[in-house]
């Protein structure tokens, strides 16, 4: 299940092994603002399953909890790298070239979910972190 992905303009590229990956929707206000969307959808793997082919130059810390990486050219949000989870990396799922067979298994910070966005019935729901 090795896939490639990257940003909108193609300056940033990565390869990821999706074996035992977890995909989630995060409805926290930081993700909503970072993605300009109702939630951020992330796929998380162990760091040794992820390699930058061309690294992003943009990074930002909305809080001390995590570093978010993005492309300086096109602005594509790429990763969430949690300080409390140094062995894991979470990539913005929709930056994968092929998203087939990706399923959202849980949703977090649902207390901030937009009113018109329904919960995914097959996904676990958490008002805070999962």
C-alpha atoms as a PDB file:
ATOM      1  CA  UNK A   1       0.000   0.000   0.000  1.00  0.00           C
ATOM      2  CA  UNK A   2       2.795   2.421  -0.877  1.00  0.00           C
ATOM      3  CA  UNK A   3       1.479   5.649  -2.379  1.00  0.00           C
ATOM      4  CA  UNK A   4       2.822   9.020  -3.406  1.00  0.00           C
ATOM      5  CA  UNK A   5       1.384  12.440  -2.819  1.00  0.00           C
ATOM      6  CA  UNK A   6       2.182  16.104  -2.870  1.00  0.00           C
ATOM      7  CA  UNK A   7       0.996  19.664  -3.026  1.00  0.00           C
ATOM      8  CA  UNK A   8      -1.140  21.380  -5.659  1.00  0.00           C
ATOM      9  CA  UNK A   9       1.802  22.905  -7.560  1.00  0.00           C
ATOM     10  CA  UNK A  10       3.979  19.781  -7.380  1.00  0.00           C
ATOM     11  CA  UNK A  11       6.975  21.352  -5.595  1.00  0.00           C
ATOM     12  CA  UNK A  12       6.472  19.139  -2.539  1.00  0.00           C
ATOM     13  CA  UNK A  13       6.312  15.359  -2.898  1.00  0.00           C
ATOM     14  CA  UNK A  14       6.290  12.403  -0.507  1.00  0.00           C
ATOM     15  CA  UNK A  15       5.955   8.639  -0.411  1.00  0.00           C
ATOM     16  CA  UNK A  16       3.972   6.835   2.289  1.00  0.00           C
ATOM     17  CA  UNK A  17       3.334   3.223   3.237  1.00  0.00           C
ATOM     18  CA  UNK A  18      -0.316   2.987   4.310  1.00  0.00           C
ATOM     19  CA  UNK A  19      -0.032  -0.358   6.103  1.00  0.00           C
ATOM     20  CA  UNK A  20      -1.867   0.002   9.458  1.00  0.00           C
ATOM     21  CA  UNK A  21      -2.637   3.672   8.712  1.00  0.00           C
ATOM     22  CA  UNK A  22      -5.454   5.443  10.554  1.00  0.00           C
ATOM     23  CA  UNK A  23      -7.545   8.161   8.940  1.00  0.00           C
ATOM     24  CA  UNK A  24      -9.559  10.718  10.871  1.00  0.00           C
ATOM     25  CA  UNK A  25     -11.467  13.952  10.565  1.00  0.00           C
ATOM     26  CA  UNK A  26     -10.401  16.675  12.969  1.00  0.00           C
ATOM     27  CA  UNK A  27     -13.027  19.340  13.601  1.00  0.00           C
ATOM     28  CA  UNK A  28     -10.897  21.558  15.874  1.00  0.00           C
ATOM     29  CA  UNK A  29     -10.859  25.266  15.098  1.00  0.00           C
ATOM     30  CA  UNK A  30      -7.132  25.182  14.239  1.00  0.00           C
ATOM     31  CA  UNK A  31      -7.726  22.538  11.527  1.00  0.00           C
ATOM     32  CA  UNK A  32     -10.787  24.371  10.238  1.00  0.00           C
ATOM     33  CA  UNK A  33      -8.774  27.549   9.831  1.00  0.00           C
ATOM     34  CA  UNK A  34      -5.621  25.841   8.497  1.00  0.00           C
ATOM     35  CA  UNK A  35      -7.557  23.973   5.807  1.00  0.00           C
ATOM     36  CA  UNK A  36     -10.238  26.622   5.215  1.00  0.00           C
ATOM     37  CA  UNK A  37     -12.725  23.761   5.461  1.00  0.00           C
ATOM     38  CA  UNK A  38     -15.162  22.169   7.940  1.00  0.00           C
ATOM     39  CA  UNK A  39     -12.438  19.768   9.098  1.00  0.00           C
ATOM     40  CA  UNK A  40      -8.983  18.470   8.373  1.00  0.00           C
ATOM     41  CA  UNK A  41      -8.775  14.867   7.191  1.00  0.00           C
ATOM     42  CA  UNK A  42      -5.511  13.212   8.174  1.00  0.00           C
ATOM     43  CA  UNK A  43      -3.938   9.824   7.604  1.00  0.00           C
ATOM     44  CA  UNK A  44      -1.435   8.854  10.308  1.00  0.00           C
ATOM     45  CA  UNK A  45       1.438   6.376  10.063  1.00  0.00           C
ATOM     46  CA  UNK A  46       4.686   5.653  11.870  1.00  0.00           C
ATOM     47  CA  UNK A  47       7.442   8.028  10.775  1.00  0.00           C
ATOM     48  CA  UNK A  48       9.481   5.196   9.262  1.00  0.00           C
ATOM     49  CA  UNK A  49       6.595   4.668   6.799  1.00  0.00           C
ATOM     50  CA  UNK A  50       6.900   8.222   5.426  1.00  0.00           C
ATOM     51  CA  UNK A  51       9.592   9.910   3.325  1.00  0.00           C
ATOM     52  CA  UNK A  52       9.768  13.396   1.863  1.00  0.00           C
ATOM     53  CA  UNK A  53      10.910  13.318  -1.763  1.00  0.00           C
ATOM     54  CA  UNK A  54      10.839  17.127  -1.874  1.00  0.00           C
ATOM     55  CA  UNK A  55      10.362  18.773   1.541  1.00  0.00           C
ATOM     56  CA  UNK A  56       7.981  21.667   2.179  1.00  0.00           C
ATOM     57  CA  UNK A  57       9.574  24.917   3.290  1.00  0.00           C
ATOM     58  CA  UNK A  58       6.564  26.276   5.144  1.00  0.00           C
ATOM     59  CA  UNK A  59       5.878  25.436   8.760  1.00  0.00           C
ATOM     60  CA  UNK A  60       3.672  26.915  11.455  1.00  0.00           C
ATOM     61  CA  UNK A  61       2.761  26.172  15.066  1.00  0.00           C
ATOM     62  CA  UNK A  62      -0.797  27.281  15.875  1.00  0.00           C
ATOM     63  CA  UNK A  63      -0.182  25.922  19.382  1.00  0.00           C
ATOM     64  CA  UNK A  64       2.720  24.280  21.216  1.00  0.00           C
ATOM     65  CA  UNK A  65       1.079  20.888  20.470  1.00  0.00           C
ATOM     66  CA  UNK A  66       2.121  20.492  16.830  1.00  0.00           C
ATOM     67  CA  UNK A  67       3.992  21.706  13.788  1.00  0.00           C
ATOM     68  CA  UNK A  68       2.001  22.049  10.586  1.00  0.00           C
ATOM     69  CA  UNK A  69       3.896  21.911   7.292  1.00  0.00           C
ATOM     70  CA  UNK A  70       2.719  23.480   4.035  1.00  0.00           C
ATOM     71  CA  UNK A  71       3.995  24.456   0.588  1.00  0.00           C
ATOM     72  CA  UNK A  72       5.237  28.041   0.407  1.00  0.00           C
ATOM     73  CA  UNK A  73       4.454  28.208  -3.325  1.00  0.00           C
ATOM     74  CA  UNK A  74       0.810  27.104  -3.479  1.00  0.00           C
ATOM     75  CA  UNK A  75      -0.174  27.026   0.217  1.00  0.00           C
ATOM     76  CA  UNK A  76      -1.243  23.372   0.313  1.00  0.00           C
ATOM     77  CA  UNK A  77      -1.449  22.092   3.892  1.00  0.00           C
ATOM     78  CA  UNK A  78       0.524  18.855   4.153  1.00  0.00           C
ATOM     79  CA  UNK A  79       1.138  17.555   7.675  1.00  0.00           C
ATOM     80  CA  UNK A  80       0.297  17.751  11.347  1.00  0.00           C
ATOM     81  CA  UNK A  81       3.238  16.600  13.479  1.00  0.00           C
ATOM     82  CA  UNK A  82       2.305  16.308  17.139  1.00  0.00           C
ATOM     83  CA  UNK A  83       4.833  17.006  19.856  1.00  0.00           C
ATOM     84  CA  UNK A  84       3.287  14.262  22.010  1.00  0.00           C
ATOM     85  CA  UNK A  85       3.507  11.745  19.141  1.00  0.00           C
ATOM     86  CA  UNK A  86       7.080  12.042  17.766  1.00  0.00           C
ATOM     87  CA  UNK A  87       6.988   8.508  16.339  1.00  0.00           C
ATOM     88  CA  UNK A  88       3.938   9.344  14.134  1.00  0.00           C
ATOM     89  CA  UNK A  89       3.217  11.713  11.263  1.00  0.00           C
ATOM     90  CA  UNK A  90      -0.211  12.762  10.013  1.00  0.00           C
ATOM     91  CA  UNK A  91      -0.511  13.777   6.378  1.00  0.00           C
ATOM     92  CA  UNK A  92      -3.413  15.699   4.892  1.00  0.00           C
ATOM     93  CA  UNK A  93      -5.213  12.763   3.289  1.00  0.00           C
ATOM     94  CA  UNK A  94      -6.365  14.618   0.192  1.00  0.00           C
ATOM     95  CA  UNK A  95      -2.734  15.301  -0.785  1.00  0.00           C
ATOM     96  CA  UNK A  96      -2.421  11.607  -1.727  1.00  0.00           C
ATOM     97  CA  UNK A  97      -2.379  11.048  -5.497  1.00  0.00           C
ATOM     98  CA  UNK A  98      -4.658   8.018  -5.011  1.00  0.00           C
ATOM     99  CA  UNK A  99      -7.164   8.071  -2.143  1.00  0.00           C
ATOM    100  CA  UNK A 100      -8.865   4.787  -3.015  1.00  0.00           C
ATOM    101  CA  UNK A 101      -9.406   2.417  -0.100  1.00  0.00           C
ATOM    102  CA  UNK A 102      -9.013   5.214   2.474  1.00  0.00           C
ATOM    103  CA  UNK A 103     -11.735   5.087   5.130  1.00  0.00           C
ATOM    104  CA  UNK A 104     -12.274   7.507   8.014  1.00  0.00           C
ATOM    105  CA  UNK A 105     -12.247   5.510  11.235  1.00  0.00           C
ATOM    106  CA  UNK A 106     -12.787   8.286  13.777  1.00  0.00           C
ATOM    107  CA  UNK A 107     -13.634  11.967  14.166  1.00  0.00           C
ATOM    108  CA  UNK A 108     -12.181  14.216  16.874  1.00  0.00           C
ATOM    109  CA  UNK A 109     -13.075  17.594  18.367  1.00  0.00           C
ATOM    110  CA  UNK A 110     -16.638  17.047  17.198  1.00  0.00           C
ATOM    111  CA  UNK A 111     -17.821  19.747  19.624  1.00  0.00           C
ATOM    112  CA  UNK A 112     -16.546  22.196  16.938  1.00  0.00           C
ATOM    113  CA  UNK A 113     -18.228  20.383  14.022  1.00  0.00           C
ATOM    114  CA  UNK A 114     -20.239  22.689  11.764  1.00  0.00           C
ATOM    115  CA  UNK A 115     -23.967  22.270  12.405  1.00  0.00           C
ATOM    116  CA  UNK A 116     -24.786  21.136   8.853  1.00  0.00           C
ATOM    117  CA  UNK A 117     -22.011  18.504   8.673  1.00  0.00           C
ATOM    118  CA  UNK A 118     -23.335  15.105   9.792  1.00  0.00           C
ATOM    119  CA  UNK A 119     -21.243  12.605  11.724  1.00  0.00           C
ATOM    120  CA  UNK A 120     -19.867   9.683   9.737  1.00  0.00           C
ATOM    121  CA  UNK A 121     -21.941   6.820  11.112  1.00  0.00           C
ATOM    122  CA  UNK A 122     -19.219   4.182  10.747  1.00  0.00           C
ATOM    123  CA  UNK A 123     -16.604   6.356  12.514  1.00  0.00           C
ATOM    124  CA  UNK A 124     -16.017   6.642  16.265  1.00  0.00           C
ATOM    125  CA  UNK A 125     -16.885  10.110  17.579  1.00  0.00           C
ATOM    126  CA  UNK A 126     -14.876  12.074  20.168  1.00  0.00           C
ATOM    127  CA  UNK A 127     -15.762  15.524  21.507  1.00  0.00           C
ATOM    128  CA  UNK A 128     -12.065  16.069  22.256  1.00  0.00           C
ATOM    129  CA  UNK A 129      -9.019  14.058  21.169  1.00  0.00           C
ATOM    130  CA  UNK A 130      -9.428  10.355  20.453  1.00  0.00           C
END
